[in-house]
N, C-alpha and C. Protein backbone atom coordinates (compact mmCIF):
# COMPACT_ATOMS: atom_id res chain seq x y z
N MET A 1 26.90 -30.10 66.46
CA MET A 1 26.40 -29.04 65.06
C MET A 1 25.53 -29.46 64.02
N ASN A 2 24.18 -29.06 64.32
CA ASN A 2 23.26 -29.55 63.02
C ASN A 2 24.15 -28.96 61.61
N MET A 3 23.18 -30.18 60.38
CA MET A 3 23.53 -29.09 59.32
C MET A 3 23.47 -28.15 58.58
N ARG A 4 22.18 -27.71 59.49
CA ARG A 4 21.83 -25.82 59.08
C ARG A 4 22.63 -25.39 59.97
N ALA A 5 23.10 -25.32 61.33
CA ALA A 5 24.53 -24.08 62.02
C ALA A 5 25.91 -24.48 61.23
N LYS A 6 26.05 -25.80 59.97
CA LYS A 6 27.25 -25.83 59.90
C LYS A 6 27.34 -25.01 58.25
N LEU A 7 26.13 -24.89 58.81
CA LEU A 7 26.50 -24.20 56.23
C LEU A 7 26.46 -22.91 56.63
N LYS A 8 25.16 -22.71 57.90
CA LYS A 8 25.52 -20.83 58.44
C LYS A 8 26.95 -20.53 58.43
N PHE A 9 27.50 -21.59 59.73
CA PHE A 9 28.83 -21.13 60.10
C PHE A 9 29.51 -20.87 58.71
N GLY A 10 29.91 -21.96 57.20
CA GLY A 10 30.28 -22.19 56.25
C GLY A 10 30.31 -20.89 55.74
N THR A 11 29.15 -20.38 55.48
CA THR A 11 29.00 -19.49 54.86
C THR A 11 29.47 -17.72 55.78
N LEU A 12 29.49 -18.10 56.95
CA LEU A 12 29.70 -16.91 57.18
C LEU A 12 32.02 -16.90 57.46
N VAL A 13 32.99 -18.07 57.03
CA VAL A 13 33.36 -18.24 57.11
C VAL A 13 33.47 -17.81 56.04
N MET A 14 33.20 -17.80 54.81
CA MET A 14 33.98 -17.92 53.45
C MET A 14 33.49 -16.10 53.04
N ALA A 15 32.04 -15.40 53.49
CA ALA A 15 32.03 -14.18 53.12
C ALA A 15 32.78 -13.65 54.05
N ALA A 16 33.34 -13.86 55.26
CA ALA A 16 34.89 -13.65 55.91
C ALA A 16 35.99 -13.38 55.03
N ALA A 17 36.15 -14.57 54.60
CA ALA A 17 37.09 -14.86 53.60
C ALA A 17 37.45 -14.06 52.68
N ALA A 18 36.15 -13.64 51.70
CA ALA A 18 36.25 -13.11 50.48
C ALA A 18 35.76 -11.47 50.81
N ALA A 19 35.49 -11.69 51.56
CA ALA A 19 36.00 -9.59 52.27
C ALA A 19 37.43 -9.50 52.93
N MET A 20 38.30 -10.46 53.53
CA MET A 20 39.88 -10.37 53.51
C MET A 20 40.44 -10.08 52.26
N LEU A 21 40.03 -11.04 51.23
CA LEU A 21 40.75 -11.07 50.10
C LEU A 21 40.51 -9.55 49.21
N LEU A 22 39.64 -9.09 49.04
CA LEU A 22 39.19 -9.10 48.47
C LEU A 22 38.92 -6.93 48.75
N SER A 23 39.71 -6.92 49.80
CA SER A 23 39.54 -4.93 50.88
C SER A 23 40.81 -5.18 50.20
N GLY A 24 41.43 -3.75 49.87
CA GLY A 24 42.74 -2.80 50.22
C GLY A 24 42.32 -1.70 50.89
N CYS A 25 43.09 -1.27 51.68
CA CYS A 25 42.87 0.13 51.91
C CYS A 25 44.29 1.51 50.99
N VAL A 26 43.41 2.21 51.34
CA VAL A 26 44.16 3.94 51.07
C VAL A 26 43.83 4.39 52.22
N THR A 27 44.89 4.96 51.77
CA THR A 27 45.63 5.80 53.56
C THR A 27 45.88 7.47 53.09
N ARG A 28 45.52 8.38 53.94
CA ARG A 28 45.46 10.06 53.25
C ARG A 28 46.81 9.99 54.33
N ILE A 29 47.57 10.23 53.57
CA ILE A 29 49.53 10.80 54.22
C ILE A 29 49.41 11.88 54.76
N THR A 30 49.21 12.88 53.48
CA THR A 30 48.84 14.49 53.24
C THR A 30 48.55 15.81 52.95
N ASP A 31 48.10 16.31 52.64
CA ASP A 31 47.64 17.16 52.01
C ASP A 31 48.97 18.19 51.73
N PHE A 32 48.81 18.90 49.88
CA PHE A 32 49.64 20.11 50.26
C PHE A 32 48.95 21.35 49.12
N THR A 33 50.10 22.14 49.45
CA THR A 33 50.22 23.28 48.96
C THR A 33 49.97 23.44 47.75
N LEU A 34 51.35 23.31 47.92
CA LEU A 34 52.33 23.45 46.65
C LEU A 34 53.35 22.36 45.92
N LEU A 35 53.07 21.26 45.65
CA LEU A 35 54.09 20.67 45.23
C LEU A 35 54.74 19.95 43.71
N SER A 36 56.33 20.03 43.59
CA SER A 36 56.51 20.15 42.94
C SER A 36 58.36 19.08 42.39
N THR A 37 57.79 18.20 41.55
CA THR A 37 59.70 18.03 41.34
C THR A 37 59.98 18.25 41.00
N LYS A 38 60.53 19.42 39.89
CA LYS A 38 61.25 20.44 38.75
C LYS A 38 61.75 21.55 39.97
N ASN A 39 62.92 22.26 38.99
CA ASN A 39 63.53 23.26 39.42
C ASN A 39 62.38 23.82 38.14
N ILE A 40 61.99 25.43 39.54
CA ILE A 40 60.81 25.61 39.66
C ILE A 40 61.61 27.40 39.02
N ASP A 41 61.26 28.85 38.69
CA ASP A 41 61.87 29.69 38.36
C ASP A 41 60.70 30.63 39.40
N LEU A 42 60.93 30.96 40.27
CA LEU A 42 59.13 31.79 41.17
C LEU A 42 59.80 32.93 40.75
N THR A 43 60.66 33.68 39.84
CA THR A 43 60.66 35.33 39.85
C THR A 43 59.31 35.26 38.81
N LYS A 44 59.01 34.10 38.10
CA LYS A 44 58.06 34.47 37.79
C LYS A 44 56.69 33.61 37.52
N ALA A 45 56.42 33.25 38.92
CA ALA A 45 54.80 32.81 39.35
C ALA A 45 54.30 33.62 39.41
N SER A 46 54.29 35.01 39.42
CA SER A 46 53.12 35.15 39.26
C SER A 46 52.54 35.41 37.45
N THR A 47 52.98 34.96 36.54
CA THR A 47 52.51 34.45 35.24
C THR A 47 51.75 32.78 35.01
N PHE A 48 52.44 32.02 36.66
CA PHE A 48 51.90 30.83 35.98
C PHE A 48 50.21 31.11 36.01
N LYS A 49 50.10 29.53 35.54
CA LYS A 49 48.20 29.81 35.25
C LYS A 49 48.01 28.54 36.73
N ARG A 50 46.51 28.79 36.73
CA ARG A 50 46.32 27.24 37.50
C ARG A 50 45.29 27.07 36.56
N THR A 51 44.62 24.92 36.29
CA THR A 51 44.30 24.63 35.51
C THR A 51 43.02 25.03 36.41
N THR A 52 41.95 24.36 35.70
CA THR A 52 40.86 23.67 36.33
C THR A 52 40.55 22.12 36.10
N ASN A 53 41.39 21.05 35.83
CA ASN A 53 41.22 20.02 35.85
C ASN A 53 41.99 19.58 36.95
N ARG A 54 41.67 18.45 37.78
CA ARG A 54 42.41 17.49 38.71
C ARG A 54 43.63 16.76 38.09
N VAL A 55 43.84 16.41 38.17
CA VAL A 55 45.81 15.43 37.48
C VAL A 55 45.82 13.98 38.46
N THR A 56 46.19 12.51 38.38
CA THR A 56 46.75 11.86 39.76
C THR A 56 48.16 11.86 38.38
N GLY A 57 47.84 10.51 40.10
CA GLY A 57 49.72 10.22 39.24
C GLY A 57 50.10 9.72 40.15
N GLU A 58 50.09 7.98 39.59
CA GLU A 58 50.47 6.98 40.53
C GLU A 58 52.17 6.33 39.85
N ASP A 59 52.60 5.62 41.38
CA ASP A 59 53.54 5.02 41.55
C ASP A 59 53.08 3.59 41.30
N THR A 60 53.25 2.37 41.32
CA THR A 60 52.42 0.97 41.97
C THR A 60 54.35 0.55 41.99
N ALA A 61 54.21 -0.56 42.37
CA ALA A 61 55.38 -1.67 43.30
C ALA A 61 54.27 -2.82 43.81
N VAL A 62 54.72 -3.95 43.02
CA VAL A 62 53.94 -5.66 43.32
C VAL A 62 54.74 -7.09 44.72
N ILE A 63 53.88 -6.73 45.48
CA ILE A 63 53.91 -7.52 46.34
C ILE A 63 54.00 -8.95 45.45
N ILE A 64 55.35 -10.17 46.04
CA ILE A 64 55.05 -11.59 45.93
C ILE A 64 55.16 -11.59 46.86
N ILE A 65 54.17 -12.76 47.23
CA ILE A 65 53.74 -13.72 48.15
C ILE A 65 54.40 -12.08 49.96
N PHE A 66 54.96 -12.66 50.38
CA PHE A 66 55.89 -11.50 51.79
C PHE A 66 57.44 -10.50 51.24
N ILE A 67 57.72 -9.98 49.22
CA ILE A 67 58.47 -9.88 49.26
C ILE A 67 58.39 -8.96 48.56
N PRO A 68 58.28 -7.12 48.52
CA PRO A 68 57.63 -6.58 47.36
C PRO A 68 59.09 -6.43 46.69
N THR A 69 59.05 -6.09 45.69
CA THR A 69 60.22 -6.45 44.35
C THR A 69 60.41 -4.34 43.68
N GLY A 70 59.23 -4.03 44.97
CA GLY A 70 60.50 -2.20 45.12
C GLY A 70 59.64 -0.93 46.14
N VAL A 71 59.60 -0.73 46.20
CA VAL A 71 58.99 0.51 47.24
C VAL A 71 58.52 2.15 46.00
N PRO A 72 56.87 2.41 46.28
CA PRO A 72 56.50 3.29 45.42
C PRO A 72 57.51 4.39 46.22
N HIS A 73 57.28 5.24 44.94
CA HIS A 73 58.03 7.18 45.25
C HIS A 73 56.93 8.23 44.58
N VAL A 74 56.94 9.24 45.90
CA VAL A 74 56.12 10.56 45.62
C VAL A 74 56.87 10.96 44.02
N LYS A 75 58.02 11.18 43.98
CA LYS A 75 58.67 12.10 43.21
C LYS A 75 57.90 10.67 41.65
N GLU A 76 57.66 9.91 41.84
CA GLU A 76 57.27 9.32 40.61
C GLU A 76 55.75 9.59 40.28
N ALA A 77 54.87 9.93 41.27
CA ALA A 77 53.61 9.82 41.25
C ALA A 77 53.89 11.27 41.04
N VAL A 78 54.35 12.17 41.12
CA VAL A 78 54.56 13.52 41.23
C VAL A 78 54.62 13.47 39.54
N ASP A 79 55.72 12.78 38.81
CA ASP A 79 55.99 13.37 37.56
C ASP A 79 55.41 11.98 36.90
N LYS A 80 55.01 11.56 37.03
CA LYS A 80 53.15 11.51 36.37
C LYS A 80 52.67 12.01 36.18
N ALA A 81 51.30 12.28 37.14
CA ALA A 81 50.55 13.17 37.08
C ALA A 81 51.36 14.92 36.58
N LEU A 82 52.25 15.70 36.29
CA LEU A 82 52.71 16.54 35.92
C LEU A 82 53.13 15.94 34.00
N GLU A 83 53.52 14.79 33.65
CA GLU A 83 53.73 14.77 32.69
C GLU A 83 52.60 14.79 31.79
N GLY A 84 51.45 14.41 31.76
CA GLY A 84 50.22 14.72 31.18
C GLY A 84 49.71 15.78 30.93
N VAL A 85 50.48 16.67 31.61
CA VAL A 85 50.27 18.76 31.34
C VAL A 85 51.30 19.17 30.49
N PRO A 86 50.74 19.58 29.27
CA PRO A 86 52.24 20.32 29.18
C PRO A 86 52.44 21.48 29.63
N GLY A 87 53.75 21.66 30.17
CA GLY A 87 53.77 23.29 30.69
C GLY A 87 53.45 23.04 32.84
N ALA A 88 53.77 22.23 33.00
CA ALA A 88 52.61 21.83 33.71
C ALA A 88 53.87 21.39 35.42
N VAL A 89 54.57 22.54 36.00
CA VAL A 89 55.77 22.84 36.83
C VAL A 89 55.01 22.31 38.03
N ALA A 90 54.08 22.27 39.01
CA ALA A 90 53.71 22.12 39.97
C ALA A 90 52.25 21.46 39.79
N LEU A 91 52.27 20.88 41.01
CA LEU A 91 50.62 20.86 41.53
C LEU A 91 50.22 20.98 42.78
N VAL A 92 48.75 22.09 43.14
CA VAL A 92 48.22 22.27 44.02
C VAL A 92 47.06 22.22 44.72
N ASP A 93 46.80 22.42 45.80
CA ASP A 93 45.93 22.16 47.01
C ASP A 93 45.55 20.42 46.67
N GLY A 94 46.30 19.69 46.64
CA GLY A 94 46.28 18.07 46.59
C GLY A 94 46.09 17.30 47.95
N VAL A 95 46.83 16.11 47.38
CA VAL A 95 46.83 14.91 48.15
C VAL A 95 47.68 14.19 47.93
N VAL A 96 47.79 13.91 49.15
CA VAL A 96 49.28 12.26 48.89
C VAL A 96 48.43 10.91 49.38
N LYS A 97 47.91 10.12 48.47
CA LYS A 97 47.72 9.27 49.28
C LYS A 97 48.70 7.72 49.23
N ARG A 98 48.17 6.58 50.16
CA ARG A 98 48.99 5.20 50.02
C ARG A 98 48.28 4.68 49.97
N SER A 99 47.99 3.78 49.42
CA SER A 99 46.67 2.70 48.67
C SER A 99 47.52 0.99 48.60
N GLY A 100 47.05 -0.80 49.23
CA GLY A 100 47.46 -1.26 48.93
C GLY A 100 46.52 -2.87 49.44
N TRP A 101 47.39 -3.47 49.02
CA TRP A 101 46.45 -4.71 49.25
C TRP A 101 46.99 -5.52 49.12
N TRP A 102 47.30 -6.86 49.77
CA TRP A 102 47.48 -8.27 49.56
C TRP A 102 47.51 -9.91 49.91
N PHE A 103 47.33 -10.19 49.30
CA PHE A 103 47.21 -12.04 49.58
C PHE A 103 48.06 -13.10 48.72
N ILE A 104 49.06 -12.81 48.95
CA ILE A 104 50.14 -14.10 48.52
C ILE A 104 50.17 -12.65 47.05
N LEU A 105 49.76 -12.87 46.56
CA LEU A 105 50.02 -11.50 45.41
C LEU A 105 48.38 -10.25 45.55
N GLY A 106 50.20 -8.81 45.40
CA GLY A 106 49.63 -8.22 46.41
C GLY A 106 50.19 -6.74 45.77
N GLN A 107 50.10 -5.77 45.92
CA GLN A 107 50.57 -4.42 45.23
C GLN A 107 50.97 -2.68 46.01
N SER A 108 51.50 -2.43 46.06
CA SER A 108 51.42 -0.91 47.37
C SER A 108 51.82 0.80 45.96
N SER A 109 50.57 1.14 46.71
CA SER A 109 50.73 2.24 45.72
C SER A 109 51.22 3.83 46.64
N ILE A 110 51.81 4.90 46.26
CA ILE A 110 51.67 6.16 46.30
C ILE A 110 50.81 7.18 45.26
N ILE A 111 49.73 7.51 45.50
CA ILE A 111 49.03 7.67 44.90
C ILE A 111 49.16 9.79 44.78
N VAL A 112 49.30 10.11 43.32
CA VAL A 112 49.28 12.11 44.07
C VAL A 112 48.41 12.27 43.17
N GLU A 113 47.36 13.31 43.16
CA GLU A 113 46.32 14.41 43.10
C GLU A 113 46.69 15.39 43.08
N GLY A 114 46.61 16.42 41.81
CA GLY A 114 46.43 17.85 42.15
C GLY A 114 45.53 18.46 40.78
N THR A 115 45.44 19.58 41.66
CA THR A 115 45.35 20.80 40.22
C THR A 115 46.53 21.34 39.52
N PRO A 116 46.36 20.87 38.71
CA PRO A 116 48.07 21.53 37.50
C PRO A 116 48.22 22.84 37.77
N LEU A 117 50.26 23.39 37.81
CA LEU A 117 50.72 24.42 37.49
C LEU A 117 50.52 24.72 36.62
N ILE A 118 50.42 25.41 35.08
CA ILE A 118 51.13 25.68 34.10
C ILE A 118 52.23 26.41 33.62
N ASP A 119 53.18 26.95 33.54
CA ASP A 119 54.03 27.94 33.19
C ASP A 119 54.42 28.19 31.85
N PRO A 120 52.70 29.24 31.34
CA PRO A 120 53.22 29.67 30.06
C PRO A 120 54.19 29.63 28.93
N SER A 121 54.71 29.93 29.69
CA SER A 121 56.41 30.12 28.66
C SER A 121 57.21 28.77 27.98
N LEU A 122 56.42 27.60 29.15
CA LEU A 122 56.93 26.15 28.97
C LEU A 122 55.88 25.70 27.61
N THR A 123 54.62 25.86 27.71
CA THR A 123 53.49 25.79 26.62
C THR A 123 54.61 25.90 25.48
N SER A 124 54.40 27.75 25.50
CA SER A 124 54.31 28.46 24.21
C SER A 124 55.92 28.11 23.33
N GLN A 125 56.48 27.05 24.10
CA GLN A 125 57.84 26.35 23.57
C GLN A 125 57.74 24.45 22.84
N ALA A 126 57.12 24.02 24.53
CA ALA A 126 56.62 22.91 23.39
C ALA A 126 55.91 22.27 22.88
N LEU A 127 55.00 23.19 22.14
CA LEU A 127 53.60 22.92 21.93
C LEU A 127 53.78 22.04 20.17
N PRO A 128 53.92 21.28 19.86
CA PRO A 128 54.20 21.13 18.37
C PRO A 128 52.54 21.49 17.64
N SER A 129 51.40 21.76 18.03
CA SER A 129 49.94 21.94 18.27
C SER A 129 49.41 22.83 18.46
N ASN A 130 48.52 23.54 18.21
CA ASN A 130 47.61 24.53 19.03
C ASN A 130 46.39 23.27 19.18
N ARG A 131 46.33 22.35 18.83
CA ARG A 131 45.01 21.43 18.63
C ARG A 131 45.48 20.01 19.21
N MET A 132 44.95 19.72 20.37
CA MET A 132 44.94 17.84 20.70
C MET A 132 43.63 17.40 21.53
N ILE A 133 44.03 16.30 20.74
CA ILE A 133 42.95 15.01 21.71
C ILE A 133 42.87 14.06 22.82
N ALA A 134 41.83 14.13 23.04
CA ALA A 134 42.17 13.08 24.27
C ALA A 134 41.04 12.06 24.19
N PHE A 135 41.82 10.53 23.91
CA PHE A 135 40.75 9.36 24.28
C PHE A 135 41.20 8.06 25.05
N TYR A 136 40.14 7.04 24.96
CA TYR A 136 40.47 6.27 25.97
C TYR A 136 41.22 5.28 25.11
N ASP A 137 42.42 4.95 25.00
CA ASP A 137 43.21 3.38 24.26
C ASP A 137 43.18 2.82 25.34
N ARG A 138 42.08 1.56 24.33
CA ARG A 138 41.78 0.28 25.01
C ARG A 138 42.85 -0.61 25.16
N ALA A 139 44.49 -0.95 24.48
CA ALA A 139 45.56 -1.20 24.52
C ALA A 139 46.22 -1.20 25.73
N THR A 140 46.11 -0.07 26.78
CA THR A 140 46.65 0.21 27.12
C THR A 140 46.18 0.47 28.79
N ASP A 141 44.51 0.70 27.98
CA ASP A 141 43.69 0.93 29.51
C ASP A 141 44.19 2.39 30.18
N LYS A 142 44.41 3.50 28.80
CA LYS A 142 44.12 4.45 29.85
C LYS A 142 43.54 5.45 29.02
N TYR A 143 43.39 7.21 29.63
CA TYR A 143 43.52 8.09 28.47
C TYR A 143 44.76 8.38 27.79
N GLN A 144 44.60 8.62 26.88
CA GLN A 144 45.91 9.40 26.15
C GLN A 144 45.44 10.62 25.22
N ILE A 145 46.65 11.65 25.51
CA ILE A 145 46.09 13.13 25.38
C ILE A 145 47.42 13.32 23.86
N ARG A 146 46.94 13.73 22.89
CA ARG A 146 47.10 14.58 21.89
C ARG A 146 48.10 14.99 20.59
N TYR A 147 48.64 15.70 20.81
CA TYR A 147 48.89 16.75 19.83
C TYR A 147 48.11 16.52 18.67
N VAL A 148 47.69 17.41 17.56
CA VAL A 148 47.52 16.90 16.01
C VAL A 148 47.44 18.09 15.15
N ASP A 149 47.90 17.94 13.86
CA ASP A 149 47.51 18.90 13.13
C ASP A 149 45.35 19.11 12.79
N ALA A 150 45.11 20.26 11.57
CA ALA A 150 44.01 20.38 11.35
C ALA A 150 43.56 19.85 11.03
N VAL A 151 44.00 18.92 10.26
CA VAL A 151 42.96 17.81 9.43
C VAL A 151 42.31 16.97 10.08
N THR A 152 42.81 16.15 11.22
CA THR A 152 42.87 15.33 12.24
C THR A 152 42.14 15.26 13.19
N CYS A 153 42.14 17.04 13.66
CA CYS A 153 41.33 17.72 14.65
C CYS A 153 40.00 17.49 13.52
N ALA A 154 39.73 18.02 12.69
CA ALA A 154 38.28 18.40 12.01
C ALA A 154 37.55 16.61 11.67
N ALA A 155 38.74 15.95 11.26
CA ALA A 155 37.82 14.02 10.64
C ALA A 155 37.53 14.23 12.43
N VAL A 156 38.37 14.39 13.63
CA VAL A 156 37.65 13.94 14.86
C VAL A 156 36.36 14.15 15.23
N GLN A 157 36.54 15.99 14.77
CA GLN A 157 35.03 16.27 14.78
C GLN A 157 34.36 16.14 14.44
N ASN A 158 34.03 16.25 13.15
CA ASN A 158 33.33 15.40 12.09
C ASN A 158 32.14 14.03 12.69
N SER A 159 33.63 13.06 12.87
CA SER A 159 32.97 11.95 13.10
C SER A 159 32.19 11.80 14.59
N CYS A 160 32.72 13.06 15.01
CA CYS A 160 31.84 13.07 16.93
C CYS A 160 30.63 13.78 16.54
N LYS A 161 30.57 14.62 15.58
CA LYS A 161 29.28 14.96 15.50
C LYS A 161 28.20 14.17 14.75
N ASP A 162 29.32 13.37 13.65
CA ASP A 162 27.92 12.17 13.02
C ASP A 162 27.80 10.42 14.34
N GLY A 163 28.56 11.22 14.78
CA GLY A 163 28.57 9.34 15.87
C GLY A 163 28.82 9.00 15.94
N ASN A 164 29.72 8.56 14.47
CA ASN A 164 30.14 7.57 14.42
C ASN A 164 31.96 6.98 15.04
N SER A 165 31.49 5.66 15.75
CA SER A 165 32.08 5.78 16.92
C SER A 165 33.62 4.95 16.09
N VAL A 166 33.32 3.90 14.54
CA VAL A 166 34.02 3.61 14.34
C VAL A 166 35.56 4.47 12.85
N GLN A 167 34.99 5.70 12.77
CA GLN A 167 35.44 6.83 11.99
C GLN A 167 36.49 7.80 12.90
N ILE A 168 35.71 7.46 14.54
CA ILE A 168 36.49 7.34 15.18
C ILE A 168 37.69 7.10 15.53
N ASP A 169 37.68 5.33 15.83
CA ASP A 169 39.28 4.86 16.29
C ASP A 169 39.61 5.02 14.53
N ASP A 170 38.99 4.50 13.97
CA ASP A 170 40.15 4.97 12.81
C ASP A 170 41.30 5.84 13.06
N VAL A 171 40.62 7.34 13.61
CA VAL A 171 41.60 8.70 13.74
C VAL A 171 42.31 8.08 15.02
N VAL A 172 41.84 7.89 15.68
CA VAL A 172 43.09 7.56 16.66
C VAL A 172 44.02 6.47 16.52
N ARG A 173 43.38 5.63 15.79
CA ARG A 173 44.34 4.82 14.94
C ARG A 173 45.85 5.25 14.83
N ALA A 174 45.64 5.94 13.92
CA ALA A 174 46.26 6.54 12.97
C ALA A 174 46.95 7.35 13.87
N ILE A 175 46.66 8.36 14.82
CA ILE A 175 47.52 8.95 15.36
C ILE A 175 48.30 8.48 16.59
N ARG A 176 48.16 7.08 16.41
CA ARG A 176 49.09 6.50 17.81
C ARG A 176 50.24 6.23 17.77
């Protein structure tokens, strides 16, 4: 085999190895009309409100060599999705997926995505304020939602109008 052929073969092997190392797999497990881990009073179903935004919850387990450190559960993924929305009791019109990748170290995940169904009687009791702000928290690498008072809400609105990201960061740090 001449040098040029060896180089082409080596490049092909490296590309195949990189593709295997960097690839993962996402499999759609099922679609659902209604999914919940909460006890729901269905006699009040006509009062439930459907939001317009979809939410996602994920439960993940790490795999070391061939040994899983846990098993991801649909219940945990649904709970995480519902926790992000005050008064949410169920997810509607959604999907459950399984995701995973592995090479010496890896992970296996269950991902649940759907539209929250809200019980208004729970939100009126659970809301500490009628103002909320959403922001990206660099420390946790996640989006957060917080209830704020009128003064903090006005400060965030003014900072956004001015386009001053330093002031916005200061306000967000104050409410964490």
